[in-house]
């Protein structure tokens, strides 16, 4: 889970269950949703042929 320190603006990844509970109960932290990195989609269209020797 990720939490943002509202005083500093720093976002932290918190993995320890006890630490997660502490952050959830602390008014100085808010949980933030992290966007999943988008997988790069293969480009559509023609690919240029490779030249020999490359």
PDB file of N, CA and C in Angstrom:
ATOM      1  N   UNK A   1       0.855  -1.170   0.000  1.00  0.00           N
ATOM      2  CA  UNK A   1       0.000   0.000   0.000  1.00  0.00           C
ATOM      3  C   UNK A   1       0.897   1.228   0.000  1.00  0.00           C
ATOM      4  N   UNK A   2       0.379   2.300  -0.579  1.00  0.00           N
ATOM      5  CA  UNK A   2       1.117   3.547  -0.616  1.00  0.00           C
ATOM      6  C   UNK A   2       0.388   4.580   0.231  1.00  0.00           C
ATOM      7  N   UNK A   3       1.171   5.347   0.970  1.00  0.00           N
ATOM      8  CA  UNK A   3       0.626   6.402   1.806  1.00  0.00           C
ATOM      9  C   UNK A   3       1.370   7.689   1.523  1.00  0.00           C
ATOM     10  N   UNK A   4       0.624   8.796   1.572  1.00  0.00           N
ATOM     11  CA  UNK A   4       1.208  10.120   1.365  1.00  0.00           C
ATOM     12  C   UNK A   4       1.237  10.859   2.687  1.00  0.00           C
ATOM     13  N   UNK A   5       2.414  11.388   3.022  1.00  0.00           N
ATOM     14  CA  UNK A   5       2.542  12.224   4.199  1.00  0.00           C
ATOM     15  C   UNK A   5       1.982  13.590   3.820  1.00  0.00           C
ATOM     16  N   UNK A   6       0.909  13.996   4.471  1.00  0.00           N
ATOM     17  CA  UNK A   6       0.231  15.231   4.109  1.00  0.00           C
ATOM     18  C   UNK A   6       1.038  16.476   4.466  1.00  0.00           C
ATOM     19  N   UNK A   7       1.990  16.359   5.383  1.00  0.00           N
ATOM     20  CA  UNK A   7       2.809  17.511   5.767  1.00  0.00           C
ATOM     21  C   UNK A   7       3.939  17.741   4.769  1.00  0.00           C
ATOM     22  N   UNK A   8       4.499  16.664   4.225  1.00  0.00           N
ATOM     23  CA  UNK A   8       5.656  16.805   3.336  1.00  0.00           C
ATOM     24  C   UNK A   8       5.325  16.515   1.878  1.00  0.00           C
ATOM     25  N   UNK A   9       4.237  15.791   1.629  1.00  0.00           N
ATOM     26  CA  UNK A   9       3.874  15.427   0.265  1.00  0.00           C
ATOM     27  C   UNK A   9       4.600  14.197  -0.255  1.00  0.00           C
ATOM     28  N   UNK A  10       5.411  13.578   0.585  1.00  0.00           N
ATOM     29  CA  UNK A  10       6.174  12.401   0.179  1.00  0.00           C
ATOM     30  C   UNK A  10       5.279  11.172   0.236  1.00  0.00           C
ATOM     31  N   UNK A  11       5.367  10.335  -0.822  1.00  0.00           N
ATOM     32  CA  UNK A  11       4.607   9.094  -0.847  1.00  0.00           C
ATOM     33  C   UNK A  11       5.521   7.929  -0.501  1.00  0.00           C
ATOM     34  N   UNK A  12       4.995   7.020   0.317  1.00  0.00           N
ATOM     35  CA  UNK A  12       5.762   5.882   0.807  1.00  0.00           C
ATOM     36  C   UNK A  12       5.045   4.593   0.483  1.00  0.00           C
ATOM     37  N   UNK A  13       5.798   3.581   0.106  1.00  0.00           N
ATOM     38  CA  UNK A  13       5.229   2.249  -0.014  1.00  0.00           C
ATOM     39  C   UNK A  13       5.417   1.567   1.330  1.00  0.00           C
ATOM     40  N   UNK A  14       4.324   1.089   1.899  1.00  0.00           N
ATOM     41  CA  UNK A  14       4.357   0.457   3.216  1.00  0.00           C
ATOM     42  C   UNK A  14       3.908  -0.987   3.045  1.00  0.00           C
ATOM     43  N   UNK A  15       4.770  -1.921   3.474  1.00  0.00           N
ATOM     44  CA  UNK A  15       4.465  -3.335   3.290  1.00  0.00           C
ATOM     45  C   UNK A  15       4.229  -4.070   4.604  1.00  0.00           C
ATOM     46  N   UNK A  16       4.739  -3.558   5.693  1.00  0.00           N
ATOM     47  CA  UNK A  16       4.572  -4.207   6.995  1.00  0.00           C
ATOM     48  C   UNK A  16       3.139  -3.993   7.493  1.00  0.00           C
ATOM     49  N   UNK A  17       2.415  -5.069   7.799  1.00  0.00           N
ATOM     50  CA  UNK A  17       1.006  -4.926   8.214  1.00  0.00           C
ATOM     51  C   UNK A  17       0.799  -4.002   9.411  1.00  0.00           C
ATOM     52  N   UNK A  18       1.692  -4.043  10.396  1.00  0.00           N
ATOM     53  CA  UNK A  18       1.554  -3.163  11.560  1.00  0.00           C
ATOM     54  C   UNK A  18       1.773  -1.700  11.167  1.00  0.00           C
ATOM     55  N   UNK A  19       2.694  -1.466  10.274  1.00  0.00           N
ATOM     56  CA  UNK A  19       2.963  -0.099   9.821  1.00  0.00           C
ATOM     57  C   UNK A  19       1.795   0.422   8.985  1.00  0.00           C
ATOM     58  N   UNK A  20       1.185  -0.465   8.183  1.00  0.00           N
ATOM     59  CA  UNK A  20       0.011  -0.077   7.391  1.00  0.00           C
ATOM     60  C   UNK A  20      -1.100   0.393   8.333  1.00  0.00           C
ATOM     61  N   UNK A  21      -1.357  -0.366   9.390  1.00  0.00           N
ATOM     62  CA  UNK A  21      -2.398   0.004  10.358  1.00  0.00           C
ATOM     63  C   UNK A  21      -2.104   1.356  10.992  1.00  0.00           C
ATOM     64  N   UNK A  22      -0.824   1.579  11.329  1.00  0.00           N
ATOM     65  CA  UNK A  22      -0.449   2.843  11.950  1.00  0.00           C
ATOM     66  C   UNK A  22      -0.714   4.008  11.003  1.00  0.00           C
ATOM     67  N   UNK A  23      -0.346   3.836   9.732  1.00  0.00           N
ATOM     68  CA  UNK A  23      -0.564   4.903   8.753  1.00  0.00           C
ATOM     69  C   UNK A  23      -2.053   5.145   8.517  1.00  0.00           C
ATOM     70  N   UNK A  24      -2.852   4.086   8.506  1.00  0.00           N
ATOM     71  CA  UNK A  24      -4.291   4.226   8.301  1.00  0.00           C
ATOM     72  C   UNK A  24      -4.943   4.993   9.446  1.00  0.00           C
ATOM     73  N   UNK A  25      -4.375   4.887  10.640  1.00  0.00           N
ATOM     74  CA  UNK A  25      -4.947   5.560  11.803  1.00  0.00           C
ATOM     75  C   UNK A  25      -4.315   6.918  12.090  1.00  0.00           C
ATOM     76  N   UNK A  26      -3.342   7.318  11.300  1.00  0.00           N
ATOM     77  CA  UNK A  26      -2.647   8.582  11.517  1.00  0.00           C
ATOM     78  C   UNK A  26      -3.231   9.638  10.581  1.00  0.00           C
ATOM     79  N   UNK A  27      -3.698  10.759  11.138  1.00  0.00           N
ATOM     80  CA  UNK A  27      -4.333  11.790  10.315  1.00  0.00           C
ATOM     81  C   UNK A  27      -3.338  12.504   9.399  1.00  0.00           C
ATOM     82  N   UNK A  28      -2.041  12.305   9.625  1.00  0.00           N
ATOM     83  CA  UNK A  28      -1.027  12.936   8.772  1.00  0.00           C
ATOM     84  C   UNK A  28      -0.730  12.128   7.514  1.00  0.00           C
ATOM     85  N   UNK A  29      -1.359  10.971   7.364  1.00  0.00           N
ATOM     86  CA  UNK A  29      -1.128  10.118   6.199  1.00  0.00           C
ATOM     87  C   UNK A  29      -2.452   9.802   5.522  1.00  0.00           C
ATOM     88  N   UNK A  30      -2.415   9.734   4.192  1.00  0.00           N
ATOM     89  CA  UNK A  30      -3.584   9.278   3.459  1.00  0.00           C
ATOM     90  C   UNK A  30      -3.147   8.204   2.469  1.00  0.00           C
ATOM     91  N   UNK A  31      -4.007   7.236   2.271  1.00  0.00           N
ATOM     92  CA  UNK A  31      -3.697   6.163   1.330  1.00  0.00           C
ATOM     93  C   UNK A  31      -3.856   6.700  -0.090  1.00  0.00           C
ATOM     94  N   UNK A  32      -2.918   6.341  -0.936  1.00  0.00           N
ATOM     95  CA  UNK A  32      -2.992   6.759  -2.334  1.00  0.00           C
ATOM     96  C   UNK A  32      -2.968   5.526  -3.220  1.00  0.00           C
ATOM     97  N   UNK A  33      -3.687   5.621  -4.312  1.00  0.00           N
ATOM     98  CA  UNK A  33      -3.720   4.532  -5.278  1.00  0.00           C
ATOM     99  C   UNK A  33      -2.601   4.766  -6.280  1.00  0.00           C
ATOM    100  N   UNK A  34      -1.792   3.768  -6.487  1.00  0.00           N
ATOM    101  CA  UNK A  34      -0.719   3.846  -7.472  1.00  0.00           C
ATOM    102  C   UNK A  34      -1.231   3.249  -8.776  1.00  0.00           C
ATOM    103  N   UNK A  35      -1.030   3.983  -9.865  1.00  0.00           N
ATOM    104  CA  UNK A  35      -1.438   3.470 -11.160  1.00  0.00           C
ATOM    105  C   UNK A  35      -0.501   2.356 -11.572  1.00  0.00           C
ATOM    106  N   UNK A  36      -1.075   1.297 -12.099  1.00  0.00           N
ATOM    107  CA  UNK A  36      -0.264   0.201 -12.596  1.00  0.00           C
ATOM    108  C   UNK A  36       0.431   0.668 -13.866  1.00  0.00           C
ATOM    109  N   UNK A  37       1.709   0.368 -13.994  1.00  0.00           N
ATOM    110  CA  UNK A  37       2.384   0.777 -15.229  1.00  0.00           C
ATOM    111  C   UNK A  37       1.736   0.092 -16.419  1.00  0.00           C
ATOM    112  N   UNK A  38       1.486   0.889 -17.458  1.00  0.00           N
ATOM    113  CA  UNK A  38       0.844   0.340 -18.639  1.00  0.00           C
ATOM    114  C   UNK A  38       1.867  -0.446 -19.437  1.00  0.00           C
ATOM    115  N   UNK A  39       1.431  -1.621 -19.884  1.00  0.00           N
ATOM    116  CA  UNK A  39       2.314  -2.416 -20.714  1.00  0.00           C
ATOM    117  C   UNK A  39       2.356  -1.772 -22.091  1.00  0.00           C
ATOM    118  N   UNK A  40       3.531  -1.715 -22.643  1.00  0.00           N
ATOM    119  CA  UNK A  40       3.681  -1.096 -23.954  1.00  0.00           C
ATOM    120  C   UNK A  40       3.010  -1.964 -25.000  1.00  0.00           C
ATOM    121  N   UNK A  41       2.124  -1.361 -25.746  1.00  0.00           N
ATOM    122  CA  UNK A  41       1.412  -2.081 -26.793  1.00  0.00           C
ATOM    123  C   UNK A  41       2.302  -2.169 -28.029  1.00  0.00           C
ATOM    124  N   UNK A  42       2.308  -3.312 -28.686  1.00  0.00           N
ATOM    125  CA  UNK A  42       3.081  -3.397 -29.925  1.00  0.00           C
ATOM    126  C   UNK A  42       2.507  -2.436 -30.946  1.00  0.00           C
ATOM    127  N   UNK A  43       3.387  -1.796 -31.681  1.00  0.00           N
ATOM    128  CA  UNK A  43       2.947  -0.828 -32.673  1.00  0.00           C
ATOM    129  C   UNK A  43       2.341  -1.558 -33.855  1.00  0.00           C
ATOM    130  N   UNK A  44       1.233  -1.025 -34.309  1.00  0.00           N
ATOM    131  CA  UNK A  44       0.571  -1.611 -35.458  1.00  0.00           C
ATOM    132  C   UNK A  44       1.154  -0.994 -36.718  1.00  0.00           C
ATOM    133  N   UNK A  45       1.081  -1.730 -37.779  1.00  0.00           N
ATOM    134  CA  UNK A  45       1.573  -1.213 -39.053  1.00  0.00           C
ATOM    135  C   UNK A  45       2.739  -2.033 -39.536  1.00  0.00           C
ATOM    136  N   UNK A  46       3.261  -1.594 -40.627  1.00  0.00           N
ATOM    137  CA  UNK A  46       4.364  -2.331 -41.242  1.00  0.00           C
ATOM    138  C   UNK A  46       5.662  -2.037 -40.512  1.00  0.00           C
ATOM    139  N   UNK A  47       6.458  -3.073 -40.376  1.00  0.00           N
ATOM    140  CA  UNK A  47       7.782  -2.885 -39.816  1.00  0.00           C
ATOM    141  C   UNK A  47       8.769  -2.870 -40.961  1.00  0.00           C
ATOM    142  N   UNK A  48       9.739  -2.002 -40.857  1.00  0.00           N
ATOM    143  CA  UNK A  48      10.727  -1.955 -41.913  1.00  0.00           C
ATOM    144  C   UNK A  48      11.641  -3.175 -41.788  1.00  0.00           C
ATOM    145  N   UNK A  49      11.947  -3.804 -42.923  1.00  0.00           N
ATOM    146  CA  UNK A  49      12.807  -4.985 -42.874  1.00  0.00           C
ATOM    147  C   UNK A  49      14.221  -4.602 -42.447  1.00  0.00           C
ATOM    148  N   UNK A  50      14.847  -5.506 -41.706  1.00  0.00           N
ATOM    149  CA  UNK A  50      16.222  -5.257 -41.283  1.00  0.00           C
ATOM    150  C   UNK A  50      17.158  -5.507 -42.459  1.00  0.00           C
ATOM    151  N   UNK A  51      18.143  -4.669 -42.522  1.00  0.00           N
ATOM    152  CA  UNK A  51      19.156  -4.852 -43.549  1.00  0.00           C
ATOM    153  C   UNK A  51      20.148  -5.899 -43.081  1.00  0.00           C
ATOM    154  N   UNK A  52      20.682  -6.617 -44.019  1.00  0.00           N
ATOM    155  CA  UNK A  52      21.651  -7.656 -43.659  1.00  0.00           C
ATOM    156  C   UNK A  52      22.877  -6.991 -43.042  1.00  0.00           C
ATOM    157  N   UNK A  53      23.390  -7.633 -42.002  1.00  0.00           N
ATOM    158  CA  UNK A  53      24.570  -7.102 -41.331  1.00  0.00           C
ATOM    159  C   UNK A  53      24.237  -6.265 -40.120  1.00  0.00           C
ATOM    160  N   UNK A  54      22.984  -6.031 -39.834  1.00  0.00           N
ATOM    161  CA  UNK A  54      22.607  -5.243 -38.651  1.00  0.00           C
ATOM    162  C   UNK A  54      22.448  -6.129 -37.457  1.00  0.00           C
TER     163      UNK A  54
END
